[in-house]
N, C-alpha and C. Protein backbone atom coordinates (compact mmCIF):
# COMPACT_ATOMS: atom_id res chain seq x y z
N UNK A 1 -2.93 -24.71 -128.04
CA UNK A 1 -4.22 -23.68 -128.04
C UNK A 1 -4.91 -24.09 -126.87
N UNK A 2 -5.65 -23.33 -126.65
CA UNK A 2 -6.94 -22.93 -125.50
C UNK A 2 -7.85 -24.29 -125.79
N UNK A 3 -8.22 -25.13 -125.14
CA UNK A 3 -8.79 -25.90 -124.81
C UNK A 3 -10.59 -25.94 -124.68
N UNK A 4 -11.44 -24.96 -125.91
CA UNK A 4 -13.11 -24.87 -124.75
C UNK A 4 -13.59 -25.29 -124.07
N UNK A 5 -13.75 -25.11 -122.76
CA UNK A 5 -14.84 -26.19 -122.43
C UNK A 5 -16.81 -25.10 -122.73
N UNK A 6 -17.49 -26.62 -122.33
CA UNK A 6 -18.88 -26.32 -122.45
C UNK A 6 -19.55 -24.66 -121.94
N UNK A 7 -18.53 -24.90 -120.40
CA UNK A 7 -18.75 -24.13 -119.97
C UNK A 7 -18.60 -22.27 -120.35
N UNK A 8 -17.13 -22.52 -121.36
CA UNK A 8 -16.88 -21.16 -121.67
C UNK A 8 -18.01 -21.02 -122.89
N UNK A 9 -18.14 -21.75 -123.94
CA UNK A 9 -19.08 -21.61 -124.98
C UNK A 9 -20.02 -21.10 -124.80
N UNK A 10 -21.07 -22.26 -123.57
CA UNK A 10 -22.49 -21.25 -123.26
C UNK A 10 -22.15 -19.66 -122.61
N UNK A 11 -21.05 -19.60 -121.90
CA UNK A 11 -21.37 -17.98 -121.40
C UNK A 11 -21.10 -17.30 -122.87
N UNK A 12 -19.90 -17.60 -123.88
CA UNK A 12 -19.67 -16.84 -125.28
C UNK A 12 -21.08 -16.53 -125.70
N UNK A 13 -21.43 -17.58 -125.64
CA UNK A 13 -23.21 -17.41 -126.19
C UNK A 13 -24.01 -16.80 -125.83
N UNK A 14 -23.97 -16.58 -124.47
CA UNK A 14 -25.14 -16.24 -123.76
C UNK A 14 -24.64 -14.32 -123.92
N UNK A 15 -23.64 -14.20 -123.13
CA UNK A 15 -23.17 -12.76 -123.61
C UNK A 15 -23.18 -12.17 -125.59
N UNK A 16 -23.16 -12.87 -125.95
CA UNK A 16 -23.15 -12.41 -127.19
C UNK A 16 -24.93 -12.38 -127.34
N UNK A 17 -25.93 -13.60 -126.76
CA UNK A 17 -27.16 -13.27 -127.16
C UNK A 17 -27.42 -11.71 -126.61
N UNK A 18 -28.03 -11.59 -125.54
CA UNK A 18 -27.59 -10.17 -124.37
C UNK A 18 -27.28 -9.24 -124.52
N UNK A 19 -26.02 -9.17 -125.39
CA UNK A 19 -25.65 -7.63 -125.75
C UNK A 19 -26.29 -7.02 -126.55
N UNK A 20 -26.80 -7.13 -127.86
CA UNK A 20 -27.86 -6.70 -128.45
C UNK A 20 -28.83 -6.14 -127.37
N UNK A 21 -29.73 -6.77 -126.54
CA UNK A 21 -30.66 -6.17 -125.18
C UNK A 21 -29.80 -4.80 -125.18
N UNK A 22 -28.73 -5.04 -124.38
CA UNK A 22 -27.88 -4.15 -123.42
C UNK A 22 -27.91 -2.92 -124.31
N UNK A 23 -26.88 -3.11 -125.01
CA UNK A 23 -27.04 -1.66 -126.24
C UNK A 23 -28.31 -1.36 -125.86
N UNK A 24 -29.09 -1.81 -126.29
CA UNK A 24 -30.39 -1.02 -126.64
C UNK A 24 -30.94 -0.37 -125.76
N UNK A 25 -30.91 -0.92 -124.41
CA UNK A 25 -31.45 -0.69 -122.85
C UNK A 25 -30.57 0.87 -122.67
N UNK A 26 -29.37 0.78 -123.02
CA UNK A 26 -27.97 1.82 -122.81
C UNK A 26 -28.52 3.08 -123.70
N UNK A 27 -29.38 3.10 -124.86
CA UNK A 27 -28.93 4.32 -125.67
C UNK A 27 -30.52 4.19 -125.68
N UNK A 28 -31.08 3.60 -125.11
CA UNK A 28 -32.82 4.32 -124.73
C UNK A 28 -32.85 5.28 -123.44
N UNK A 29 -33.24 6.38 -123.71
CA UNK A 29 -33.46 7.53 -122.83
C UNK A 29 -34.23 6.92 -122.20
N UNK A 30 -34.67 7.55 -120.91
CA UNK A 30 -35.74 7.19 -119.82
C UNK A 30 -37.00 8.18 -120.04
N UNK A 31 -37.72 8.42 -120.51
CA UNK A 31 -38.55 9.86 -119.92
C UNK A 31 -38.91 10.35 -118.53
N UNK A 32 -38.81 11.30 -118.55
CA UNK A 32 -38.48 12.44 -116.91
C UNK A 32 -40.29 12.59 -117.00
N UNK A 33 -40.50 12.43 -116.06
CA UNK A 33 -41.94 12.63 -116.17
C UNK A 33 -42.37 14.39 -115.77
N UNK A 34 -41.15 14.91 -115.04
CA UNK A 34 -41.12 16.05 -114.92
C UNK A 34 -40.75 17.07 -115.94
N UNK A 35 -40.06 16.54 -117.20
CA UNK A 35 -40.26 16.99 -119.09
C UNK A 35 -40.99 17.64 -118.83
N UNK A 36 -42.64 17.35 -118.34
CA UNK A 36 -43.76 18.05 -118.64
C UNK A 36 -44.21 19.67 -117.75
N UNK A 37 -42.93 19.52 -117.08
CA UNK A 37 -43.92 20.71 -115.49
C UNK A 37 -43.34 22.28 -116.57
N UNK A 38 -44.13 23.16 -116.62
CA UNK A 38 -43.64 24.01 -116.91
C UNK A 38 -43.24 25.11 -115.84
N UNK A 39 -42.12 25.80 -116.20
CA UNK A 39 -41.13 26.35 -115.12
C UNK A 39 -41.80 27.20 -114.18
N UNK A 40 -43.00 28.11 -115.17
CA UNK A 40 -43.48 29.20 -114.65
C UNK A 40 -45.38 29.14 -114.62
N UNK A 41 -45.43 29.05 -113.16
CA UNK A 41 -47.31 28.89 -113.04
C UNK A 41 -47.83 30.64 -112.79
N UNK A 42 -49.18 31.27 -113.29
CA UNK A 42 -50.25 31.60 -112.62
C UNK A 42 -50.51 30.99 -111.51
N UNK A 43 -50.81 32.04 -110.23
CA UNK A 43 -51.49 32.01 -109.07
C UNK A 43 -52.51 30.76 -109.45
N UNK A 44 -53.89 31.53 -110.21
CA UNK A 44 -54.56 30.71 -110.94
C UNK A 44 -54.67 29.48 -111.43
N UNK A 45 -53.23 29.28 -111.81
CA UNK A 45 -52.92 27.43 -112.79
C UNK A 45 -52.31 26.84 -111.70
N UNK A 46 -52.18 27.14 -110.87
CA UNK A 46 -51.68 26.76 -109.92
C UNK A 46 -52.86 26.29 -108.77
N UNK A 47 -53.29 26.88 -108.31
CA UNK A 47 -54.56 26.41 -107.12
C UNK A 47 -55.56 25.76 -108.53
N UNK A 48 -55.42 25.44 -109.17
CA UNK A 48 -56.44 23.86 -110.06
C UNK A 48 -55.59 23.26 -110.61
N UNK A 49 -54.64 22.98 -109.72
CA UNK A 49 -53.68 21.83 -110.26
C UNK A 49 -54.30 20.74 -109.67
N UNK A 50 -54.44 19.23 -110.05
CA UNK A 50 -54.56 18.68 -109.50
C UNK A 50 -53.50 17.92 -108.61
N UNK A 51 -54.04 16.62 -107.57
CA UNK A 51 -52.47 16.04 -106.80
C UNK A 51 -51.44 15.21 -108.25
N UNK A 52 -52.08 14.48 -108.36
CA UNK A 52 -51.37 14.43 -109.75
C UNK A 52 -50.23 15.11 -110.38
N UNK A 53 -51.02 16.30 -110.76
CA UNK A 53 -49.88 17.15 -111.47
C UNK A 53 -49.12 18.11 -110.33
N UNK A 54 -49.53 18.41 -109.48
CA UNK A 54 -48.62 18.74 -108.13
C UNK A 54 -47.52 17.88 -107.49
N UNK A 55 -47.85 16.30 -107.73
CA UNK A 55 -47.17 15.90 -107.55
C UNK A 55 -45.45 15.64 -108.50
N UNK A 56 -46.17 15.99 -109.73
CA UNK A 56 -45.31 16.22 -110.61
C UNK A 56 -44.73 17.40 -110.64
N UNK A 57 -44.87 18.18 -109.88
CA UNK A 57 -44.79 19.63 -109.69
C UNK A 57 -43.39 19.46 -108.31
N UNK A 58 -43.69 19.09 -107.40
CA UNK A 58 -43.07 18.79 -106.40
C UNK A 58 -42.11 17.95 -106.83
N UNK A 59 -41.84 16.87 -107.58
CA UNK A 59 -40.60 16.71 -107.63
C UNK A 59 -39.61 17.00 -108.41
N UNK A 60 -40.43 17.72 -109.55
CA UNK A 60 -39.06 18.42 -110.56
C UNK A 60 -38.46 19.71 -109.39
N UNK A 61 -39.35 19.77 -108.44
CA UNK A 61 -37.98 20.95 -107.38
C UNK A 61 -37.37 19.97 -107.14
N UNK A 62 -37.99 19.12 -105.91
CA UNK A 62 -37.05 17.99 -105.07
C UNK A 62 -35.74 17.65 -105.95
N UNK A 63 -36.12 17.64 -107.84
CA UNK A 63 -34.36 17.44 -108.57
C UNK A 63 -34.29 18.42 -109.28
N UNK A 64 -34.48 19.49 -108.54
CA UNK A 64 -33.98 21.07 -108.46
C UNK A 64 -33.97 21.90 -110.38
N UNK A 65 -35.30 21.31 -110.02
CA UNK A 65 -35.65 22.12 -112.13
C UNK A 65 -36.13 23.47 -110.87
N UNK A 66 -36.61 24.65 -110.95
CA UNK A 66 -36.53 26.24 -110.91
C UNK A 66 -37.83 26.37 -111.31
N UNK A 67 -38.62 26.57 -110.30
CA UNK A 67 -40.11 27.04 -110.66
C UNK A 67 -41.11 27.94 -109.61
N UNK A 68 -41.15 29.10 -111.51
CA UNK A 68 -41.97 30.14 -110.48
C UNK A 68 -43.64 30.42 -110.22
N UNK A 69 -43.77 30.49 -108.93
CA UNK A 69 -45.42 31.10 -108.98
C UNK A 69 -45.21 32.96 -109.40
N UNK A 70 -46.23 33.36 -110.59
CA UNK A 70 -46.88 34.61 -110.50
C UNK A 70 -47.01 35.58 -109.23
N UNK A 71 -45.24 36.28 -108.92
CA UNK A 71 -45.92 36.71 -107.79
C UNK A 71 -45.37 36.42 -106.90
N UNK A 72 -44.38 35.19 -106.86
CA UNK A 72 -43.65 35.03 -105.86
C UNK A 72 -41.91 35.11 -106.31
N UNK A 73 -41.09 35.02 -105.45
CA UNK A 73 -39.98 34.35 -105.90
C UNK A 73 -39.70 32.93 -106.01
N UNK A 74 -38.26 32.71 -106.64
CA UNK A 74 -38.37 31.30 -106.72
C UNK A 74 -38.57 30.41 -105.37
N UNK A 75 -37.64 31.39 -104.63
CA UNK A 75 -37.61 30.26 -102.68
C UNK A 75 -38.76 30.59 -102.33
N UNK A 76 -39.68 31.63 -102.83
CA UNK A 76 -41.05 31.61 -102.03
C UNK A 76 -41.87 30.62 -102.47
N UNK A 77 -41.96 30.37 -103.91
CA UNK A 77 -42.63 29.44 -105.26
C UNK A 77 -42.18 27.79 -104.24
N UNK A 78 -41.11 27.59 -104.12
CA UNK A 78 -40.39 26.30 -103.35
C UNK A 78 -41.04 26.47 -101.89
N UNK A 79 -41.20 26.80 -101.26
CA UNK A 79 -41.53 27.14 -100.32
C UNK A 79 -43.07 26.55 -100.27
N UNK A 80 -44.04 27.80 -101.09
CA UNK A 80 -45.06 26.99 -101.49
C UNK A 80 -46.04 25.24 -102.29
N UNK A 81 -44.48 25.30 -102.79
CA UNK A 81 -44.97 23.87 -103.34
C UNK A 81 -44.65 22.76 -102.81
N UNK A 82 -43.74 23.19 -101.68
CA UNK A 82 -43.34 21.70 -100.65
C UNK A 82 -44.30 21.53 -99.47
N UNK A 83 -45.09 23.00 -99.15
CA UNK A 83 -46.36 23.03 -98.47
C UNK A 83 -47.37 22.16 -99.57
N UNK A 84 -47.53 22.79 -100.51
CA UNK A 84 -48.73 21.79 -100.87
C UNK A 84 -48.33 20.46 -101.53
N UNK A 85 -46.92 19.93 -101.56
CA UNK A 85 -46.91 18.50 -101.78
C UNK A 85 -47.52 17.99 -100.10
N UNK A 86 -47.33 18.78 -98.94
CA UNK A 86 -47.49 18.22 -97.69
C UNK A 86 -49.29 18.28 -97.19
N UNK A 87 -49.65 19.62 -97.66
CA UNK A 87 -50.82 19.31 -97.48
C UNK A 87 -51.46 20.66 -98.24
N UNK A 88 -51.81 20.40 -99.24
CA UNK A 88 -52.54 20.83 -101.03
C UNK A 88 -54.09 22.36 -100.36
N UNK A 89 -54.85 21.71 -98.86
CA UNK A 89 -55.67 22.84 -99.48
C UNK A 89 -54.75 24.08 -98.61
N UNK A 90 -53.78 23.82 -97.61
CA UNK A 90 -53.61 25.01 -96.94
C UNK A 90 -52.95 25.59 -97.34
N UNK A 91 -51.58 25.04 -98.35
CA UNK A 91 -51.45 25.96 -99.39
C UNK A 91 -51.95 26.39 -100.65
N UNK A 92 -53.51 26.02 -100.76
CA UNK A 92 -54.12 26.84 -101.77
C UNK A 92 -54.81 27.60 -100.66
N UNK A 93 -55.49 27.61 -99.59
CA UNK A 93 -55.51 28.46 -98.98
C UNK A 93 -54.52 29.77 -98.47
N UNK A 94 -53.66 29.56 -98.93
CA UNK A 94 -52.28 30.90 -98.54
C UNK A 94 -52.38 31.90 -100.51
N UNK A 95 -52.16 30.94 -100.79
CA UNK A 95 -52.41 31.32 -102.10
C UNK A 95 -53.54 31.81 -102.40
N UNK A 96 -54.86 31.72 -101.86
CA UNK A 96 -55.77 32.48 -101.90
C UNK A 96 -56.24 33.69 -101.49
N UNK A 97 -55.27 34.21 -100.52
CA UNK A 97 -55.31 35.09 -99.78
C UNK A 97 -55.37 36.69 -100.40
């Protein structure tokens, strides 16, 4: 028969006390802010995005989400979105032409 030391008993108590919390944390799905980003934008809607919305769009593109702007291919749209992340006024000027 094994002799249970105080250290073993305390370790077991700690693991059993935190295990339900760990299970809950693992089961809970983390919300992704890019889930609310549309996959298509009209030029007018894209031009009206705030800086915070533009950040989410750029984040979605960096995470591999395909987003297109009306009248542009997906790769052109990606370049415009990346430009907007660096220099929003320049991207707005480019689209306003």
